[in-house]
Structure formats: structure tokens, C-alpha cells
Amino acid sequence: MNVDNNKEAVSGYDFDVLVIGAGPGGYETAIKSAQLGKKTACIEAKHFGGICLNEGCIPTKRWIKTANMIKEMKESDRFAVKGVRPSVISADLEALQARRTDIVNQLTGGVQMLLKKNKCTIIQGHASFADNHTVNVNDGLVTAQNIIIATGSNTFMPPFIAVEGENNLITSKGALELNKLPKSMVIIGGGVIGIEFAYAFSSLGCKITVLELMDNILPMVDEEVSSMVKKRLVKDGIEIINGAKCSRIKNNTVFYDLHGEEKSVDAKAVLMAVGRVPNTNGLNAEGIGIEFDKKAIKTDKYLRTNIENIYCIGDANGKYMLAHTASHEGFVALSNIDGKNIEMNYNQIPSCIFVNPEIACIGMTEKQAIASGYEISVGKFPMRGNGKSLVEGDVSGITKVIIDKNSGKILGVHLYGLHVSDMIGEAAVAMKTGAKADEIFEAVHPHPTISEVIPEAFMAAVNGKSINM
């Protein structure tokens, strides 16, 4: 196997760093490694760009963009636009799929281009460990001083839900490939994947029922915010049943237990959206002694496995399954390869959920902050008090911030409103740099923008009241 590139490995191995997996975490880590002067290779078994670019984040948002446009056009009369007939507006799913394919191809092609541009060796094939410095790929051996596992995740198909008869049972991948939308769909799982599909498909005219085991949808979101989201989704026509323990699927009928009583719901399709599990298939990680935590590869706070020169980032370590988390974990791992001993801080990872309006959050929920022993102060500002939200025609939602009452330290920021996915980065920078609550509202925010809700909420947390509410 040809493993040459324009750099010389300083380690005596074929490569200084070998990254297994070219999803967002893997390919960005490989590029960063090469930029740091290390001879680097990236092995990918299937799709460059990983699940995110091919079957997750990016293609999902293409559906949501179409759903948002249809929603806006149907409501155009509210904005003094005449001549639009809502009853004739519909989505051309074949055209949507063509557009999705174009976007995915452009981005995945760009990944390979960036790897080559940064002089990373690209190896297409399935990697399997031979020892802690060697992997077998394409019937050849590749050696590296340090190896970073970034193999991503697979859809979780729960074994405790029996499947009988003939069913139109799909996963998120199958949902993204639909060329015809069913008239009705049951979505099992009210987490991020389930709720985003529920919003998109409902907006496109599919009758949606969501079955969620927990008492709240979006269990990772602050309860006050998730309750508001549920109320809005129900208002928009989505049926959401919390506390539903699904037991079996038979002929497109989903049976579930609700407070001790068996119930059922029929639909033309069933979407399984109960989460994802780390993908380590065929990696032979156990064979060389890598320790696992259930199905995830076990790592410490430095992203190291129990084998000193092997690291694991992204979904494969099961800690925080988000694309940008994987990328940051990769950068932390590279720093630690260089002996810097940098710890990964998961409390400063923002997350976004692309319904309409959007959800964005970072840090602790109110319950988590209290449970952690903080004396907290909570500041809130409703979107109805924001001029730009009023102009945009949607005043649903809230800005909620949680701070340490004694120090002003920012513990959590939770946004629910239009465009908030583009605003949560401010909170991430503030928390990373140690900015205090008063410094946020002392910083000038432009008017009229939705971002003005952030200083208002921090003002309420510090002073007990905001200016515009």
C-alpha cells in the first residue's frame, strides 16, 4: 500500500497521526493534525463527511428549509402579500431530493479536496486494529504513532420493541430518502431526531403522532423551554403522547403502554427515532484490549482510551453526539498528543434543534444547576417583547439564562425563538472566556435584532428586571 505524502513522519511509523473515520470530527481533526506539521492519514470506509453530511445534519436541514418556506408562503397574507393560494402549495419531493443530493455531493467532495489540499493521505477502506500502532486496511498494514478513532454511530433499533407482520418501518436515513410523503406517520422517540422530522413532515402535510417514553419531549432541553415547544407543536397539529412505552409494531400499528393501559395508533409509516449507538463494527477494538462503556469506547477527560496512544472522539465515545462536539474533541485530542493535557469541557457545548421557531442552548438547565449546588438567579425575556420578532411575525418563545447568584458566572443559556441557532455562539464565547452576566448586558447589541433578547434576560437575572418587559 502506498502511504507516502509530502511530509516525513518523525515517529518512525508510516504516520504520526492516523484518523479512522472522515465524518466532521475525523476529517477536521486530520486537517488540523496536518496543519500542525504531523504526517497524517485519514481512513474512511463509506462516506466522506460521515453521517452528518450524508444522512444527518445537512440533508435534514434541506427538508426543514422546504418546510419553513411552505409555512411562510401559506401565511403570506399576514405580511400583506396577496395572490398566494395556500391550498395549492405543496412540496415537490423529487426536486427536493435532487437538491439534497446536489448539496451533499458538493460538501462531501469538498471534504476530500480539503484533505488533499492540506496534504493528508486519504485511504478508502475499512480499518481494523492489528495492534495498538497498526491497522489493517485493504489487506495492507498501516502504522501510526497515534491513532484517533472517529467512526461515528448507527441508528439504534431497540430490541425490546417487537416487529411483526408487514410494516413500512423506516429510520432517519429512510425518511430522508422519501420521494412520496405518507399521509400519516408515527414517530417513536421525541428527542432531537424525532421532533425535527415531526416538524418537517407535519409542515409538508403528513399527520404526525409522536410517542415519547419520557415525561417531556427533548429531555436534554430545559423543561420550561421543552414545555413551550410541545405546546407550539401541538398547536401546529402534531399529536404528542408522553409516557408512552412502545412494545410492538404490527402491520403499521404501534402498540404502547400508557399508565398501565395498552393503547395503539395506526399510520401509513413508522419512523424509529429513539437515538443512535456508537459504531465500532469490525474495528477489532476489543481484540487489542480497548475498554468499552457499554457500546461506547471508554475515554478519559483527555479523550484517551485505556491504551495511551489511542484516542476516541465523536459519537464513538458516546458522550455528546453532536458534529461540532466531535470536531472540538479532535482538537483537544491533538493538543494532548502534544502533551498539553487539556480537558474536554462538555458544559460549554452548544446544541441547536431546528424546528420553527428554533431551539438553542448551552450549559446547565435550571434543574441541573440547582442539583449541582449553585445558588442561582434566573433571568427570562419573552420573545413577544422583542421588536424584530414582532416584525418577523412570530413571538413564540423565550430567552432564559441561569447564573451563579454570588459570582455572576454564566451557568446556562436557553433560547427558543426565530434565528436563535445563529445567536447561541455568543453565549459559547462568553462562557469560554469567563464573561460575567453584567458584561453581557453592558455589551452593545444592535437594534432591531432578535439578539437584543440576550442582554435583556441577563439584565433580569442580575437586576431582577429587564428594560423592555
Protein backbone atom coordinates (compact mmCIF):
# COMPACT_ATOMS: atom_id res chain seq x y z
CA MET A 1 0.00 0.00 0.00
CA ASN A 2 1.27 3.45 -0.90
CA VAL A 3 1.34 5.58 2.24
CA ASP A 4 3.56 8.40 1.00
CA ASN A 5 2.71 12.07 1.17
CA ASN A 6 4.74 15.24 1.19
CA LYS A 7 5.71 15.02 4.85
CA GLU A 8 8.12 12.72 6.60
CA ALA A 9 6.85 11.01 9.74
CA VAL A 10 9.02 11.94 12.70
CA SER A 11 7.85 8.94 14.70
CA GLY A 12 9.36 6.04 12.76
CA TYR A 13 5.87 4.85 11.79
CA ASP A 14 4.10 5.38 8.47
CA PHE A 15 2.23 8.28 10.04
CA ASP A 16 2.47 10.47 13.10
CA VAL A 17 -1.34 10.54 13.36
CA LEU A 18 -3.87 8.18 11.81
CA VAL A 19 -7.55 9.16 11.98
CA ILE A 20 -10.12 6.41 11.46
CA GLY A 21 -13.29 7.97 10.07
CA ALA A 22 -13.90 11.04 7.90
CA GLY A 23 -17.03 12.48 9.46
CA PRO A 24 -16.96 16.09 10.74
CA GLY A 25 -14.81 15.11 13.71
CA GLY A 26 -12.48 12.87 11.75
CA TYR A 27 -11.75 14.96 8.69
CA GLU A 28 -11.36 18.24 10.61
CA THR A 29 -9.04 16.54 13.09
CA ALA A 30 -6.97 15.11 10.25
CA ILE A 31 -6.69 18.53 8.62
CA LYS A 32 -5.72 20.18 11.90
CA SER A 33 -3.14 17.46 12.52
CA ALA A 34 -1.56 18.09 9.14
CA GLN A 35 -1.59 21.84 9.73
CA LEU A 36 0.35 21.20 12.94
CA GLY A 37 3.09 19.61 10.86
CA LYS A 38 2.29 15.96 11.51
CA LYS A 39 2.30 13.36 8.77
CA THR A 40 -1.37 12.39 8.78
CA ALA A 41 -3.69 9.90 7.16
CA CYS A 42 -7.47 9.59 7.26
CA ILE A 43 -9.23 6.28 6.63
CA GLU A 44 -12.87 6.24 5.56
CA ALA A 45 -14.90 3.09 4.92
CA LYS A 46 -18.00 4.60 3.30
CA HIS A 47 -18.91 8.29 3.05
CA PHE A 48 -16.57 11.26 3.38
CA GLY A 49 -18.39 13.72 5.60
CA GLY A 50 -19.85 10.91 7.70
CA ILE A 51 -23.44 10.64 8.85
CA CYS A 52 -23.74 14.41 9.36
CA LEU A 53 -23.14 15.43 5.75
CA ASN A 54 -24.66 12.35 4.11
CA GLU A 55 -27.55 11.16 6.28
CA GLY A 56 -27.98 13.61 9.16
CA CYS A 57 -27.48 17.30 9.86
CA ILE A 58 -27.21 18.67 6.33
CA PRO A 59 -29.88 16.68 4.42
CA THR A 60 -32.28 17.04 7.36
CA LYS A 61 -31.97 20.82 7.19
CA ARG A 62 -32.80 20.70 3.49
CA TRP A 63 -36.18 19.18 4.39
CA ILE A 64 -36.66 21.75 7.13
CA LYS A 65 -35.81 24.62 4.78
CA THR A 66 -38.57 23.46 2.41
CA ALA A 67 -40.98 23.05 5.32
CA ASN A 68 -40.19 26.58 6.54
CA MET A 69 -40.73 28.05 3.08
CA ILE A 70 -44.10 26.34 2.68
CA LYS A 71 -45.15 27.51 6.13
CA GLU A 72 -44.14 31.09 5.30
CA MET A 73 -45.91 31.08 1.93
CA LYS A 74 -49.11 29.74 3.46
CA GLU A 75 -49.03 32.58 5.97
CA SER A 76 -48.11 35.25 3.42
CA ASP A 77 -51.40 37.12 3.82
CA ARG A 78 -50.28 38.04 7.35
CA PHE A 79 -47.49 40.03 5.72
CA ALA A 80 -49.74 41.86 3.25
CA VAL A 81 -48.81 39.57 0.35
CA LYS A 82 -51.73 38.89 -2.00
CA GLY A 83 -52.20 36.32 -4.74
CA VAL A 84 -50.87 33.25 -2.97
CA ARG A 85 -53.32 30.37 -2.71
CA PRO A 86 -52.32 28.25 0.31
CA SER A 87 -54.47 25.32 -0.82
CA VAL A 88 -52.34 24.71 -3.93
CA ILE A 89 -48.92 24.98 -2.27
CA SER A 90 -47.12 21.68 -1.90
CA ALA A 91 -43.62 20.22 -1.96
CA ASP A 92 -42.09 18.51 -4.99
CA LEU A 93 -40.27 15.73 -3.18
CA GLU A 94 -38.37 14.54 -6.24
CA ALA A 95 -36.98 18.04 -6.76
CA LEU A 96 -36.26 18.26 -3.05
CA GLN A 97 -34.29 15.01 -3.23
CA ALA A 98 -32.33 16.26 -6.25
CA ARG A 99 -31.44 19.43 -4.37
CA ARG A 100 -30.43 17.36 -1.32
CA THR A 101 -28.16 15.20 -3.46
CA ASP A 102 -26.51 18.26 -5.02
CA ILE A 103 -25.78 19.78 -1.62
CA VAL A 104 -24.44 16.52 -0.17
CA ASN A 105 -22.22 15.87 -3.20
CA GLN A 106 -20.83 19.39 -3.07
CA LEU A 107 -19.98 19.16 0.61
CA THR A 108 -18.58 15.62 0.59
CA GLY A 109 -16.47 16.41 -2.46
CA GLY A 110 -15.21 19.45 -0.59
CA VAL A 111 -14.09 17.25 2.31
CA GLN A 112 -11.79 15.23 0.09
CA MET A 113 -10.50 18.37 -1.56
CA LEU A 114 -9.65 19.91 1.81
CA LEU A 115 -7.86 16.76 2.97
CA LYS A 116 -5.75 16.71 -0.20
CA LYS A 117 -5.11 20.45 -0.02
CA ASN A 118 -3.70 20.00 3.48
CA LYS A 119 -1.58 17.03 2.35
CA CYS A 120 -3.43 14.37 4.31
CA THR A 121 -3.17 10.88 2.90
CA ILE A 122 -6.66 9.56 2.07
CA ILE A 123 -7.24 5.83 2.43
CA GLN A 124 -10.61 4.46 1.33
CA GLY A 125 -11.40 1.21 3.13
CA HIS A 126 -12.41 -0.41 6.40
CA ALA A 127 -9.87 -0.20 9.23
CA SER A 128 -9.34 -3.00 11.71
CA PHE A 129 -6.79 -2.90 14.53
CA ALA A 130 -3.89 -5.35 14.34
CA ASP A 131 -2.20 -3.85 17.41
CA ASN A 132 -2.09 -0.51 19.17
CA HIS A 133 0.04 1.07 16.43
CA THR A 134 -1.17 -0.87 13.38
CA VAL A 135 -4.40 -1.16 11.43
CA ASN A 136 -5.30 -3.48 8.61
CA VAL A 137 -7.00 -1.78 5.68
CA ASN A 138 -7.50 -3.13 2.16
CA ASP A 139 -5.38 -6.19 3.04
CA GLY A 140 -2.42 -4.00 3.91
CA LEU A 141 -0.96 -2.71 7.16
CA VAL A 142 -0.66 0.95 8.11
CA THR A 143 1.25 2.06 11.20
CA ALA A 144 0.99 5.25 13.23
CA GLN A 145 2.42 6.65 16.42
CA ASN A 146 -1.00 7.91 17.48
CA ILE A 147 -4.43 6.78 16.34
CA ILE A 148 -7.69 8.70 16.72
CA ILE A 149 -10.94 6.73 16.39
CA ALA A 150 -13.76 8.76 14.85
CA THR A 151 -16.08 6.09 13.49
CA GLY A 152 -19.39 7.74 14.34
CA SER A 153 -22.67 5.99 15.13
CA ASN A 154 -25.52 3.92 13.75
CA THR A 155 -29.29 4.13 14.18
CA PHE A 156 -30.44 2.33 17.32
CA MET A 157 -33.13 -0.26 16.65
CA PRO A 158 -34.46 -1.16 20.12
CA PRO A 159 -34.66 -4.95 20.63
CA PHE A 160 -37.42 -4.51 23.21
CA ILE A 161 -39.87 -3.33 20.53
CA ALA A 162 -41.11 -6.38 18.64
CA VAL A 163 -41.75 -6.07 14.90
CA GLU A 164 -44.45 -8.30 13.42
CA GLY A 165 -46.27 -8.55 10.11
CA GLU A 166 -45.73 -6.15 7.22
CA ASN A 167 -44.65 -2.65 8.18
CA ASN A 168 -43.47 0.49 6.48
CA LEU A 169 -40.81 0.90 9.17
CA ILE A 170 -38.08 3.43 8.40
CA THR A 171 -35.11 5.02 10.11
CA SER A 172 -33.92 8.62 9.74
CA LYS A 173 -31.92 7.58 6.66
CA GLY A 174 -35.02 6.13 5.02
CA ALA A 175 -37.04 9.19 5.97
CA LEU A 176 -34.57 11.46 4.18
CA GLU A 177 -34.88 9.37 1.02
CA LEU A 178 -38.67 9.53 0.72
CA ASN A 179 -39.93 10.53 -2.72
CA LYS A 180 -43.53 10.44 -1.57
CA LEU A 181 -44.71 11.54 1.84
CA PRO A 182 -47.13 9.15 3.58
CA LYS A 183 -50.45 10.60 4.70
CA SER A 184 -49.71 9.66 8.31
CA MET A 185 -46.69 8.65 10.37
CA VAL A 186 -45.97 7.50 13.92
CA ILE A 187 -42.60 8.68 15.19
CA ILE A 188 -41.20 6.62 18.05
CA GLY A 189 -38.97 8.95 20.03
CA GLY A 190 -39.37 12.58 21.00
CA GLY A 191 -35.71 13.52 21.03
CA VAL A 192 -33.98 15.81 18.56
CA ILE A 193 -34.25 13.47 15.56
CA GLY A 194 -37.90 12.64 16.15
CA ILE A 195 -39.01 16.20 16.80
CA GLU A 196 -37.18 17.67 13.80
CA PHE A 197 -38.79 15.11 11.49
CA ALA A 198 -42.15 15.63 13.18
CA TYR A 199 -41.98 19.35 12.44
CA ALA A 200 -40.76 18.95 8.86
CA PHE A 201 -43.20 16.22 7.80
CA SER A 202 -46.16 17.82 9.55
CA SER A 203 -45.45 21.11 7.77
CA LEU A 204 -45.45 19.22 4.47
CA GLY A 205 -48.90 17.76 5.16
CA CYS A 206 -48.29 14.45 6.93
CA LYS A 207 -50.37 13.66 10.02
CA ILE A 208 -47.83 13.04 12.79
CA THR A 209 -48.09 11.23 16.13
CA VAL A 210 -45.02 11.28 18.38
CA LEU A 211 -44.66 8.62 21.09
CA GLU A 212 -42.11 9.54 23.77
CA LEU A 213 -41.25 7.41 26.78
CA MET A 214 -40.15 10.30 29.00
CA ASP A 215 -42.43 12.86 30.62
CA ASN A 216 -41.07 15.58 28.36
CA ILE A 217 -40.05 15.74 24.73
CA LEU A 218 -36.46 16.82 24.13
CA PRO A 219 -35.30 15.55 27.54
CA MET A 220 -31.94 17.34 27.19
CA VAL A 221 -33.64 20.76 26.96
CA ASP A 222 -34.65 22.89 29.95
CA GLU A 223 -38.12 21.71 30.97
CA GLU A 224 -39.70 25.15 30.76
CA VAL A 225 -38.47 25.50 27.19
CA SER A 226 -39.43 21.97 26.11
CA SER A 227 -42.94 22.52 27.50
CA MET A 228 -43.29 25.64 25.37
CA VAL A 229 -42.04 23.76 22.32
CA LYS A 230 -44.54 20.96 22.87
CA LYS A 231 -47.38 23.43 23.22
CA ARG A 232 -46.42 25.07 19.92
CA LEU A 233 -46.03 21.76 18.06
CA VAL A 234 -49.42 20.56 19.31
CA LYS A 235 -50.97 23.87 18.25
CA ASP A 236 -49.50 23.28 14.78
CA GLY A 237 -51.27 19.92 14.56
CA ILE A 238 -48.75 17.37 15.85
CA GLU A 239 -50.05 14.83 18.36
CA ILE A 240 -47.51 14.18 21.14
CA ILE A 241 -48.00 11.44 23.72
CA ASN A 242 -45.57 11.44 26.64
CA GLY A 243 -45.07 8.45 28.93
CA ALA A 244 -45.71 6.06 26.04
CA LYS A 245 -43.75 2.80 26.35
CA CYS A 246 -43.81 1.16 22.93
CA SER A 247 -43.97 -2.63 22.97
CA ARG A 248 -44.54 -3.77 19.39
CA ILE A 249 -45.24 -2.76 15.82
CA LYS A 250 -47.59 -4.88 13.74
CA ASN A 251 -48.82 -4.02 10.25
CA ASN A 252 -48.07 -0.32 10.77
CA THR A 253 -49.89 -0.26 14.10
CA VAL A 254 -47.79 0.76 17.08
CA PHE A 255 -48.83 -0.67 20.43
CA TYR A 256 -47.76 1.12 23.59
CA ASP A 257 -48.40 1.17 27.32
CA LEU A 258 -49.69 4.42 28.78
CA HIS A 259 -50.07 4.50 32.56
CA GLY A 260 -50.69 0.75 32.67
CA GLU A 261 -53.17 0.62 29.80
CA GLU A 262 -52.34 -0.77 26.36
CA LYS A 263 -53.14 1.61 23.53
CA SER A 264 -52.39 1.66 19.82
CA VAL A 265 -52.09 4.06 16.91
CA ASP A 266 -52.22 3.33 13.18
CA ALA A 267 -50.28 5.09 10.45
CA LYS A 268 -49.04 4.62 6.91
CA ALA A 269 -45.42 4.66 8.11
CA VAL A 270 -43.48 4.29 11.34
CA LEU A 271 -40.24 6.19 11.94
CA MET A 272 -37.88 4.74 14.53
CA ALA A 273 -36.11 7.69 16.14
CA VAL A 274 -35.06 6.54 19.60
CA GLY A 275 -31.42 7.51 19.24
CA ARG A 276 -28.07 6.32 17.95
CA VAL A 277 -25.38 3.92 19.15
CA PRO A 278 -21.59 4.10 18.67
CA ASN A 279 -20.31 2.40 15.55
CA THR A 280 -17.33 0.15 16.22
CA ASN A 281 -18.31 -2.66 13.86
CA GLY A 282 -15.31 -4.56 12.54
CA LEU A 283 -12.83 -2.27 14.25
CA ASN A 284 -11.40 -5.07 16.45
CA ALA A 285 -11.04 -2.55 19.28
CA GLU A 286 -11.84 -5.22 21.87
CA GLY A 287 -9.29 -7.50 20.24
CA ILE A 288 -6.40 -5.21 21.14
CA GLY A 289 -7.74 -4.52 24.63
CA ILE A 290 -9.54 -1.20 24.24
CA GLU A 291 -12.06 -0.82 27.07
CA PHE A 292 -15.74 -0.10 26.45
CA ASP A 293 -18.51 1.54 28.46
CA LYS A 294 -21.47 -0.50 27.21
CA LYS A 295 -21.35 0.03 23.42
CA ALA A 296 -19.17 3.14 23.55
CA ILE A 297 -15.39 3.26 23.60
CA LYS A 298 -14.37 4.43 27.05
CA THR A 299 -12.31 7.62 27.19
CA ASP A 300 -10.99 9.85 29.95
CA LYS A 301 -11.32 13.62 30.18
CA TYR A 302 -8.39 13.96 27.77
CA LEU A 303 -10.12 11.74 25.13
CA ARG A 304 -7.59 8.95 25.67
CA THR A 305 -8.66 5.34 25.72
CA ASN A 306 -7.02 2.95 28.18
CA ILE A 307 -4.30 2.48 25.52
CA GLU A 308 -2.08 5.53 25.79
CA ASN A 309 -1.58 6.33 22.11
CA ILE A 310 -5.18 5.68 21.02
CA TYR A 311 -7.86 8.37 21.36
CA CYS A 312 -11.58 8.31 20.56
CA ILE A 313 -13.74 11.26 19.56
CA GLY A 314 -17.31 11.90 18.45
CA ASP A 315 -20.24 9.53 18.58
CA ALA A 316 -17.98 6.50 19.04
CA ASN A 317 -17.24 7.54 22.63
CA GLY A 318 -20.94 8.08 23.32
CA LYS A 319 -20.51 11.23 25.38
CA TYR A 320 -22.18 14.05 23.44
CA MET A 321 -23.35 13.07 19.98
CA LEU A 322 -23.05 16.31 18.01
CA ALA A 323 -20.89 17.02 14.96
CA HIS A 324 -19.27 20.13 16.42
CA THR A 325 -18.54 18.24 19.64
CA ALA A 326 -16.62 15.64 17.64
CA SER A 327 -14.55 18.31 15.91
CA HIS A 328 -13.67 20.02 19.17
CA GLU A 329 -12.84 16.69 20.81
CA GLY A 330 -10.45 16.06 17.93
CA PHE A 331 -8.64 19.33 18.55
CA VAL A 332 -8.41 18.51 22.27
CA ALA A 333 -7.02 15.07 21.43
CA LEU A 334 -4.37 16.61 19.17
CA SER A 335 -3.36 19.02 21.92
CA ASN A 336 -2.97 16.09 24.29
CA ILE A 337 -0.92 14.15 21.77
CA ASP A 338 1.43 17.13 22.01
CA GLY A 339 1.50 16.74 25.80
CA LYS A 340 -0.65 19.73 26.76
CA ASN A 341 -3.11 17.79 28.98
CA ILE A 342 -6.20 19.77 28.04
CA GLU A 343 -9.50 18.55 29.47
CA MET A 344 -12.68 18.36 27.41
CA ASN A 345 -15.43 20.59 28.84
CA TYR A 346 -18.83 19.31 27.78
CA ASN A 347 -20.64 22.03 29.72
CA GLN A 348 -19.64 24.55 27.06
CA ILE A 349 -21.02 22.70 24.04
CA PRO A 350 -23.96 24.49 22.37
CA SER A 351 -26.76 22.49 20.78
CA CYS A 352 -29.47 23.51 18.33
CA ILE A 353 -32.79 21.97 17.34
CA PHE A 354 -34.20 23.07 14.01
CA VAL A 355 -37.92 23.31 14.43
CA ASN A 356 -39.70 26.59 13.78
CA PRO A 357 -39.06 28.61 15.83
CA GLU A 358 -35.63 27.20 16.68
CA ILE A 359 -34.19 26.00 19.98
CA ALA A 360 -30.59 26.63 21.05
CA CYS A 361 -28.98 26.01 24.41
CA ILE A 362 -25.68 25.67 26.22
CA GLY A 363 -24.68 24.72 29.74
CA MET A 364 -26.90 23.64 32.60
CA THR A 365 -30.66 23.57 32.79
CA GLU A 366 -32.28 25.18 35.83
CA LYS A 367 -32.74 21.77 37.50
CA GLN A 368 -29.14 20.75 36.81
CA ALA A 369 -27.75 23.98 38.25
CA ILE A 370 -29.75 23.54 41.45
CA ALA A 371 -28.74 19.89 41.71
CA SER A 372 -25.11 20.94 41.33
CA GLY A 373 -25.39 23.05 44.47
CA TYR A 374 -25.39 26.52 42.96
CA GLU A 375 -27.41 29.37 44.42
CA ILE A 376 -28.86 30.55 41.16
CA SER A 377 -30.56 33.55 39.68
CA VAL A 378 -32.75 33.05 36.61
CA GLY A 379 -33.42 35.74 34.06
CA LYS A 380 -36.11 35.50 31.39
CA PHE A 381 -37.22 37.62 28.49
CA PRO A 382 -40.17 36.62 26.28
CA MET A 383 -39.84 36.98 22.53
CA ARG A 384 -43.08 38.95 22.48
CA GLY A 385 -41.12 41.86 23.97
CA ASN A 386 -38.71 41.94 21.03
CA GLY A 387 -39.49 44.27 18.10
CA LYS A 388 -37.73 42.20 15.43
CA SER A 389 -39.65 39.05 16.47
CA LEU A 390 -42.88 41.04 16.10
CA VAL A 391 -41.83 42.21 12.64
CA GLU A 392 -40.88 38.65 11.65
CA GLY A 393 -44.37 37.53 12.66
CA ASP A 394 -43.56 35.00 15.38
CA VAL A 395 -43.32 36.00 19.02
CA SER A 396 -43.34 32.45 20.38
CA GLY A 397 -40.56 31.54 22.73
CA ILE A 398 -38.32 32.83 25.42
CA THR A 399 -34.75 33.60 26.40
CA LYS A 400 -33.81 32.02 29.71
CA VAL A 401 -30.44 32.40 31.41
CA ILE A 402 -29.15 30.80 34.60
CA ILE A 403 -26.30 32.40 36.55
CA ASP A 404 -24.50 31.86 39.82
CA LYS A 405 -26.14 34.45 42.05
CA ASN A 406 -22.97 35.09 44.02
CA SER A 407 -20.37 35.39 41.26
CA GLY A 408 -22.36 36.24 38.13
CA LYS A 409 -20.89 33.19 36.38
CA ILE A 410 -22.97 32.04 33.42
CA LEU A 411 -24.25 28.51 34.04
CA GLY A 412 -26.74 28.05 31.20
CA VAL A 413 -28.42 29.85 28.32
CA HIS A 414 -31.61 28.55 26.71
CA LEU A 415 -33.15 30.20 23.65
CA TYR A 416 -36.43 29.44 21.90
CA GLY A 417 -37.28 31.73 19.03
CA LEU A 418 -36.54 32.75 15.46
CA HIS A 419 -32.89 32.56 14.33
CA VAL A 420 -31.59 31.55 17.77
CA SER A 421 -29.27 28.90 16.30
CA ASP A 422 -27.25 31.83 14.93
CA MET A 423 -27.19 33.53 18.34
CA ILE A 424 -26.06 30.79 20.75
CA GLY A 425 -22.42 31.26 19.72
CA GLU A 426 -22.36 34.47 21.74
CA ALA A 427 -23.11 32.52 24.90
CA ALA A 428 -20.48 29.91 23.99
CA VAL A 429 -17.80 32.59 23.67
CA ALA A 430 -18.93 34.26 26.88
CA MET A 431 -18.76 31.01 28.85
CA LYS A 432 -15.40 30.04 27.33
CA THR A 433 -13.82 33.38 28.17
CA GLY A 434 -15.37 33.55 31.64
CA ALA A 435 -17.52 36.61 30.96
CA LYS A 436 -19.91 37.52 33.75
CA ALA A 437 -23.61 38.23 33.37
CA ASP A 438 -23.27 42.01 33.69
CA GLU A 439 -20.65 42.07 30.94
CA ILE A 440 -23.22 40.62 28.54
CA PHE A 441 -25.76 43.38 29.00
CA GLU A 442 -23.05 46.03 29.11
CA ALA A 443 -22.01 44.95 25.60
CA VAL A 444 -23.97 46.85 22.95
CA HIS A 445 -26.33 44.69 20.87
CA PRO A 446 -27.67 46.09 17.57
CA HIS A 447 -31.26 47.23 17.13
CA PRO A 448 -33.56 45.97 15.74
CA THR A 449 -32.37 42.38 16.08
CA ILE A 450 -33.58 39.32 17.91
CA SER A 451 -30.17 39.20 19.64
CA GLU A 452 -31.38 42.04 21.90
CA VAL A 453 -33.25 39.44 23.97
CA ILE A 454 -29.94 38.13 25.36
CA PRO A 455 -28.85 41.25 27.29
CA GLU A 456 -32.46 41.75 28.42
CA ALA A 457 -32.52 38.28 30.00
CA PHE A 458 -29.12 38.76 31.69
CA MET A 459 -30.30 42.12 33.00
CA ALA A 460 -33.31 40.38 34.51
CA ALA A 461 -31.05 37.79 36.13
CA VAL A 462 -28.75 40.38 37.71
CA ASN A 463 -31.14 43.26 38.47
CA GLY A 464 -34.44 41.44 38.78
CA LYS A 465 -35.96 43.22 35.80
CA SER A 466 -35.26 43.99 32.16
CA ILE A 467 -35.86 47.21 30.23
CA ASN A 468 -38.49 46.22 27.68
CA MET A 469 -40.73 43.90 29.69
